[in-house]
Amino acid sequence: MPWNLNSDGPIFVQIIEHIQNDIATGKYKAGDKLPSVRDLAAEAGVNPNTMQKALSDLEQTGLVHSERTSGRFITENENMIKDLKTSLINTQIEEFFKNMKKLGFSEEEILQLVKKYVSK
């Protein structure tokens, strides 16, 4: 599946977001080994140095950790993964409301539309 990276922001940030989404959706589960830097870079269509920077940033957050000769792994901390999901959900909801308000909808109208959509 293509990574759909674009010029809207730094590539390494988009890579971080992509991997975070893969973790949140369960593509990578707690304790899973990540593919090598080169394999991930090839899959994403980016320079391995860019992928290395993104993975290093993920390590700093604790979401990913390295084992010296074994590679990189997803954290086994289920609470950290749950917090990531919650954060991503909140971001999506905030973005949705912001865009709907730009279209001129009130909060009440937005909620009514959501209820209508959910009941389909």
N, C-alpha and C. Protein backbone atom coordinates (compact mmCIF):
# COMPACT_ATOMS: atom_id res chain seq x y z
N MET A 1 0.84 -1.18 0.00
CA MET A 1 0.00 0.00 0.00
C MET A 1 0.89 1.24 0.00
N PRO A 2 0.66 2.17 -0.93
CA PRO A 2 1.49 3.36 -0.99
C PRO A 2 1.30 4.25 0.23
N TRP A 3 2.34 4.98 0.56
CA TRP A 3 2.32 5.81 1.76
C TRP A 3 1.71 7.18 1.52
N ASN A 4 1.54 7.59 0.29
CA ASN A 4 0.92 8.88 -0.04
C ASN A 4 1.58 10.07 0.67
N LEU A 5 2.88 10.14 0.62
CA LEU A 5 3.61 11.27 1.18
C LEU A 5 3.50 12.43 0.20
N ASN A 6 3.45 13.65 0.72
CA ASN A 6 3.29 14.80 -0.17
C ASN A 6 4.19 15.95 0.30
N SER A 7 4.09 17.05 -0.37
CA SER A 7 4.96 18.19 -0.06
C SER A 7 4.32 19.16 0.94
N ASP A 8 3.24 18.75 1.59
CA ASP A 8 2.54 19.63 2.53
C ASP A 8 3.32 19.87 3.83
N GLY A 9 4.28 19.03 4.11
CA GLY A 9 5.05 19.18 5.34
C GLY A 9 6.29 18.32 5.26
N PRO A 10 7.12 18.36 6.29
CA PRO A 10 8.34 17.56 6.27
C PRO A 10 8.03 16.07 6.10
N ILE A 11 8.77 15.41 5.24
CA ILE A 11 8.54 14.00 4.95
C ILE A 11 8.71 13.15 6.20
N PHE A 12 9.72 13.43 7.03
CA PHE A 12 9.93 12.59 8.20
C PHE A 12 8.76 12.68 9.17
N VAL A 13 8.08 13.84 9.23
CA VAL A 13 6.89 13.99 10.08
C VAL A 13 5.75 13.14 9.51
N GLN A 14 5.61 13.13 8.20
CA GLN A 14 4.57 12.32 7.57
C GLN A 14 4.84 10.83 7.79
N ILE A 15 6.10 10.45 7.79
CA ILE A 15 6.47 9.05 8.06
C ILE A 15 6.09 8.70 9.50
N ILE A 16 6.39 9.57 10.43
CA ILE A 16 6.03 9.35 11.84
C ILE A 16 4.52 9.16 11.96
N GLU A 17 3.77 10.04 11.33
CA GLU A 17 2.31 9.95 11.38
C GLU A 17 1.81 8.65 10.76
N HIS A 18 2.44 8.23 9.67
CA HIS A 18 2.04 6.99 9.00
C HIS A 18 2.28 5.79 9.93
N ILE A 19 3.43 5.75 10.55
CA ILE A 19 3.74 4.63 11.45
C ILE A 19 2.84 4.67 12.68
N GLN A 20 2.58 5.86 13.20
CA GLN A 20 1.65 5.98 14.32
C GLN A 20 0.27 5.44 13.94
N ASN A 21 -0.19 5.77 12.75
CA ASN A 21 -1.48 5.25 12.28
C ASN A 21 -1.45 3.73 12.14
N ASP A 22 -0.33 3.20 11.65
CA ASP A 22 -0.20 1.75 11.53
C ASP A 22 -0.26 1.07 12.90
N ILE A 23 0.28 1.73 13.90
CA ILE A 23 0.23 1.18 15.26
C ILE A 23 -1.20 1.29 15.80
N ALA A 24 -1.81 2.44 15.61
CA ALA A 24 -3.17 2.67 16.14
C ALA A 24 -4.20 1.74 15.50
N THR A 25 -4.00 1.42 14.23
CA THR A 25 -4.97 0.56 13.54
C THR A 25 -4.65 -0.92 13.70
N GLY A 26 -3.53 -1.23 14.33
CA GLY A 26 -3.22 -2.63 14.60
C GLY A 26 -2.37 -3.31 13.55
N LYS A 27 -1.94 -2.58 12.53
CA LYS A 27 -1.02 -3.19 11.56
C LYS A 27 0.23 -3.65 12.29
N TYR A 28 0.74 -2.79 13.18
CA TYR A 28 1.83 -3.16 14.07
C TYR A 28 1.26 -3.24 15.47
N LYS A 29 1.41 -4.36 16.10
CA LYS A 29 0.89 -4.56 17.44
C LYS A 29 2.00 -4.40 18.48
N ALA A 30 1.61 -4.28 19.73
CA ALA A 30 2.57 -4.14 20.82
C ALA A 30 3.59 -5.26 20.75
N GLY A 31 4.88 -4.90 20.76
CA GLY A 31 5.96 -5.88 20.74
C GLY A 31 6.38 -6.34 19.36
N ASP A 32 5.65 -5.95 18.31
CA ASP A 32 6.01 -6.36 16.94
C ASP A 32 7.35 -5.77 16.53
N LYS A 33 8.07 -6.54 15.73
CA LYS A 33 9.33 -6.06 15.15
C LYS A 33 9.01 -5.28 13.88
N LEU A 34 9.61 -4.11 13.76
CA LEU A 34 9.44 -3.32 12.55
C LEU A 34 10.36 -3.85 11.45
N PRO A 35 9.97 -3.67 10.20
CA PRO A 35 10.91 -3.99 9.12
C PRO A 35 12.16 -3.12 9.25
N SER A 36 13.22 -3.49 8.56
CA SER A 36 14.46 -2.73 8.61
C SER A 36 14.26 -1.33 8.05
N VAL A 37 15.18 -0.44 8.38
CA VAL A 37 15.14 0.93 7.87
C VAL A 37 15.10 0.90 6.35
N ARG A 38 15.95 0.11 5.75
CA ARG A 38 16.00 0.05 4.28
C ARG A 38 14.69 -0.46 3.69
N ASP A 39 14.11 -1.49 4.32
CA ASP A 39 12.84 -2.02 3.81
C ASP A 39 11.71 -1.00 3.94
N LEU A 40 11.64 -0.34 5.08
CA LEU A 40 10.62 0.70 5.27
C LEU A 40 10.83 1.86 4.30
N ALA A 41 12.08 2.26 4.11
CA ALA A 41 12.39 3.36 3.19
C ALA A 41 11.98 2.99 1.76
N ALA A 42 12.25 1.77 1.36
CA ALA A 42 11.87 1.32 0.02
C ALA A 42 10.35 1.30 -0.13
N GLU A 43 9.67 0.81 0.90
CA GLU A 43 8.20 0.76 0.88
C GLU A 43 7.60 2.16 0.77
N ALA A 44 8.19 3.11 1.50
CA ALA A 44 7.68 4.48 1.51
C ALA A 44 8.18 5.30 0.33
N GLY A 45 9.23 4.83 -0.32
CA GLY A 45 9.81 5.57 -1.44
C GLY A 45 10.61 6.77 -0.99
N VAL A 46 11.34 6.62 0.15
CA VAL A 46 12.13 7.73 0.67
C VAL A 46 13.57 7.27 0.90
N ASN A 47 14.43 8.24 1.13
CA ASN A 47 15.82 7.97 1.44
C ASN A 47 15.92 7.28 2.81
N PRO A 48 16.77 6.26 2.96
CA PRO A 48 16.91 5.59 4.26
C PRO A 48 17.28 6.55 5.40
N ASN A 49 18.03 7.62 5.10
CA ASN A 49 18.37 8.59 6.15
C ASN A 49 17.12 9.29 6.69
N THR A 50 16.16 9.57 5.80
CA THR A 50 14.90 10.19 6.22
C THR A 50 14.12 9.23 7.10
N MET A 51 14.08 7.96 6.72
CA MET A 51 13.38 6.95 7.52
C MET A 51 14.06 6.80 8.87
N GLN A 52 15.39 6.82 8.89
CA GLN A 52 16.15 6.70 10.13
C GLN A 52 15.80 7.84 11.08
N LYS A 53 15.70 9.06 10.56
CA LYS A 53 15.34 10.21 11.39
C LYS A 53 13.96 10.03 11.99
N ALA A 54 13.01 9.59 11.19
CA ALA A 54 11.64 9.39 11.68
C ALA A 54 11.61 8.32 12.78
N LEU A 55 12.31 7.23 12.57
CA LEU A 55 12.33 6.15 13.55
C LEU A 55 13.04 6.59 14.84
N SER A 56 14.08 7.39 14.70
CA SER A 56 14.77 7.92 15.88
C SER A 56 13.83 8.81 16.70
N ASP A 57 13.04 9.62 16.00
CA ASP A 57 12.06 10.46 16.71
C ASP A 57 11.02 9.61 17.41
N LEU A 58 10.57 8.53 16.77
CA LEU A 58 9.61 7.62 17.41
C LEU A 58 10.22 6.95 18.64
N GLU A 59 11.52 6.67 18.57
CA GLU A 59 12.21 6.09 19.73
C GLU A 59 12.22 7.07 20.89
N GLN A 60 12.43 8.34 20.60
CA GLN A 60 12.46 9.35 21.66
C GLN A 60 11.12 9.45 22.39
N THR A 61 10.02 9.16 21.69
CA THR A 61 8.70 9.21 22.33
C THR A 61 8.43 7.94 23.14
N GLY A 62 9.22 6.89 22.89
CA GLY A 62 9.02 5.63 23.59
C GLY A 62 8.08 4.68 22.87
N LEU A 63 7.51 5.12 21.77
CA LEU A 63 6.58 4.28 21.02
C LEU A 63 7.31 3.12 20.33
N VAL A 64 8.56 3.36 20.00
CA VAL A 64 9.43 2.36 19.36
C VAL A 64 10.70 2.27 20.19
N HIS A 65 11.27 1.07 20.26
CA HIS A 65 12.55 0.93 20.95
C HIS A 65 13.46 0.01 20.14
N SER A 66 14.76 0.22 20.30
CA SER A 66 15.76 -0.58 19.60
C SER A 66 16.34 -1.63 20.51
N GLU A 67 16.62 -2.75 19.93
CA GLU A 67 17.41 -3.78 20.59
C GLU A 67 18.64 -3.95 19.73
N ARG A 68 19.77 -3.72 20.30
CA ARG A 68 21.05 -3.56 19.62
C ARG A 68 21.23 -4.37 18.34
N THR A 69 21.09 -5.67 18.40
CA THR A 69 21.35 -6.48 17.21
C THR A 69 20.07 -7.07 16.62
N SER A 70 18.93 -6.77 17.23
CA SER A 70 17.68 -7.40 16.78
C SER A 70 16.79 -6.49 15.96
N GLY A 71 17.00 -5.19 16.04
CA GLY A 71 16.16 -4.26 15.27
C GLY A 71 15.31 -3.39 16.16
N ARG A 72 14.26 -2.85 15.55
CA ARG A 72 13.35 -1.95 16.28
C ARG A 72 12.02 -2.66 16.50
N PHE A 73 11.42 -2.34 17.65
CA PHE A 73 10.18 -2.97 18.05
C PHE A 73 9.18 -1.93 18.54
N ILE A 74 7.91 -2.24 18.37
CA ILE A 74 6.84 -1.41 18.92
C ILE A 74 6.81 -1.62 20.42
N THR A 75 6.52 -0.56 21.16
CA THR A 75 6.44 -0.66 22.61
C THR A 75 5.45 -1.76 23.02
N GLU A 76 5.68 -2.34 24.16
CA GLU A 76 4.73 -3.31 24.70
C GLU A 76 3.79 -2.63 25.69
N ASN A 77 3.95 -1.34 25.87
CA ASN A 77 3.12 -0.56 26.78
C ASN A 77 1.76 -0.30 26.13
N GLU A 78 0.78 -1.11 26.50
CA GLU A 78 -0.57 -0.99 25.91
C GLU A 78 -1.19 0.37 26.22
N ASN A 79 -0.88 0.94 27.39
CA ASN A 79 -1.44 2.26 27.73
C ASN A 79 -0.90 3.34 26.80
N MET A 80 0.35 3.23 26.41
CA MET A 80 0.94 4.20 25.49
C MET A 80 0.24 4.10 24.13
N ILE A 81 -0.04 2.89 23.69
CA ILE A 81 -0.73 2.70 22.41
C ILE A 81 -2.17 3.21 22.51
N LYS A 82 -2.82 2.95 23.64
CA LYS A 82 -4.18 3.46 23.85
C LYS A 82 -4.19 4.98 23.85
N ASP A 83 -3.21 5.60 24.51
CA ASP A 83 -3.10 7.06 24.52
C ASP A 83 -2.87 7.61 23.11
N LEU A 84 -2.06 6.90 22.31
CA LEU A 84 -1.83 7.30 20.93
C LEU A 84 -3.14 7.30 20.15
N LYS A 85 -3.91 6.23 20.29
CA LYS A 85 -5.21 6.14 19.60
C LYS A 85 -6.12 7.29 20.01
N THR A 86 -6.18 7.55 21.31
CA THR A 86 -7.03 8.63 21.80
C THR A 86 -6.60 9.97 21.22
N SER A 87 -5.31 10.20 21.18
CA SER A 87 -4.78 11.44 20.63
C SER A 87 -5.12 11.58 19.14
N LEU A 88 -4.96 10.50 18.40
CA LEU A 88 -5.28 10.54 16.96
C LEU A 88 -6.78 10.76 16.73
N ILE A 89 -7.60 10.13 17.56
CA ILE A 89 -9.05 10.31 17.44
C ILE A 89 -9.42 11.76 17.73
N ASN A 90 -8.87 12.32 18.82
CA ASN A 90 -9.16 13.71 19.17
C ASN A 90 -8.76 14.66 18.06
N THR A 91 -7.62 14.42 17.45
CA THR A 91 -7.15 15.26 16.34
C THR A 91 -8.12 15.20 15.17
N GLN A 92 -8.59 14.00 14.84
CA GLN A 92 -9.53 13.84 13.73
C GLN A 92 -10.86 14.56 14.02
N ILE A 93 -11.35 14.42 15.24
CA ILE A 93 -12.62 15.06 15.61
C ILE A 93 -12.48 16.58 15.57
N GLU A 94 -11.39 17.09 16.13
CA GLU A 94 -11.17 18.54 16.12
C GLU A 94 -11.09 19.06 14.69
N GLU A 95 -10.38 18.34 13.84
CA GLU A 95 -10.25 18.75 12.43
C GLU A 95 -11.61 18.73 11.74
N PHE A 96 -12.41 17.70 12.00
CA PHE A 96 -13.74 17.59 11.41
C PHE A 96 -14.60 18.79 11.82
N PHE A 97 -14.65 19.09 13.13
CA PHE A 97 -15.46 20.21 13.59
C PHE A 97 -14.97 21.54 13.01
N LYS A 98 -13.66 21.71 12.95
CA LYS A 98 -13.09 22.94 12.40
C LYS A 98 -13.53 23.10 10.94
N ASN A 99 -13.45 22.04 10.16
CA ASN A 99 -13.84 22.10 8.75
C ASN A 99 -15.34 22.34 8.58
N MET A 100 -16.15 21.71 9.42
CA MET A 100 -17.59 21.90 9.32
C MET A 100 -17.97 23.34 9.69
N LYS A 101 -17.29 23.91 10.68
CA LYS A 101 -17.56 25.30 11.07
C LYS A 101 -17.15 26.26 9.95
N LYS A 102 -16.06 25.91 9.24
CA LYS A 102 -15.65 26.73 8.09
C LYS A 102 -16.73 26.74 7.02
N LEU A 103 -17.47 25.63 6.93
CA LEU A 103 -18.56 25.52 5.96
C LEU A 103 -19.82 26.23 6.44
N GLY A 104 -19.78 26.77 7.67
CA GLY A 104 -20.90 27.55 8.17
C GLY A 104 -21.87 26.79 9.06
N PHE A 105 -21.55 25.58 9.45
CA PHE A 105 -22.44 24.81 10.31
C PHE A 105 -22.20 25.14 11.77
N SER A 106 -23.29 25.21 12.54
CA SER A 106 -23.17 25.38 13.99
C SER A 106 -22.87 24.02 14.61
N GLU A 107 -22.46 24.04 15.88
CA GLU A 107 -22.18 22.77 16.57
C GLU A 107 -23.43 21.89 16.60
N GLU A 108 -24.58 22.49 16.86
CA GLU A 108 -25.83 21.73 16.91
C GLU A 108 -26.14 21.10 15.55
N GLU A 109 -25.95 21.86 14.48
CA GLU A 109 -26.18 21.32 13.13
C GLU A 109 -25.22 20.17 12.84
N ILE A 110 -23.98 20.33 13.26
CA ILE A 110 -22.98 19.28 13.03
C ILE A 110 -23.40 18.02 13.77
N LEU A 111 -23.80 18.15 15.02
CA LEU A 111 -24.21 16.99 15.81
C LEU A 111 -25.43 16.31 15.19
N GLN A 112 -26.38 17.10 14.69
CA GLN A 112 -27.56 16.53 14.02
C GLN A 112 -27.16 15.76 12.77
N LEU A 113 -26.23 16.32 12.00
CA LEU A 113 -25.76 15.64 10.79
C LEU A 113 -25.04 14.34 11.13
N VAL A 114 -24.24 14.37 12.20
CA VAL A 114 -23.52 13.17 12.61
C VAL A 114 -24.52 12.10 13.05
N LYS A 115 -25.51 12.48 13.86
CA LYS A 115 -26.53 11.52 14.31
C LYS A 115 -27.28 10.92 13.11
N LYS A 116 -27.60 11.77 12.15
CA LYS A 116 -28.30 11.30 10.95
C LYS A 116 -27.42 10.32 10.18
N TYR A 117 -26.15 10.66 10.06
CA TYR A 117 -25.20 9.81 9.32
C TYR A 117 -25.02 8.46 10.01
N VAL A 118 -24.92 8.46 11.34
CA VAL A 118 -24.70 7.24 12.10
C VAL A 118 -25.92 6.33 12.03
N SER A 119 -27.10 6.90 11.97
CA SER A 119 -28.33 6.09 11.97
C SER A 119 -28.65 5.49 10.61
N LYS A 120 -27.88 5.77 9.60
CA LYS A 120 -28.12 5.20 8.26
C LYS A 120 -27.94 3.71 8.26
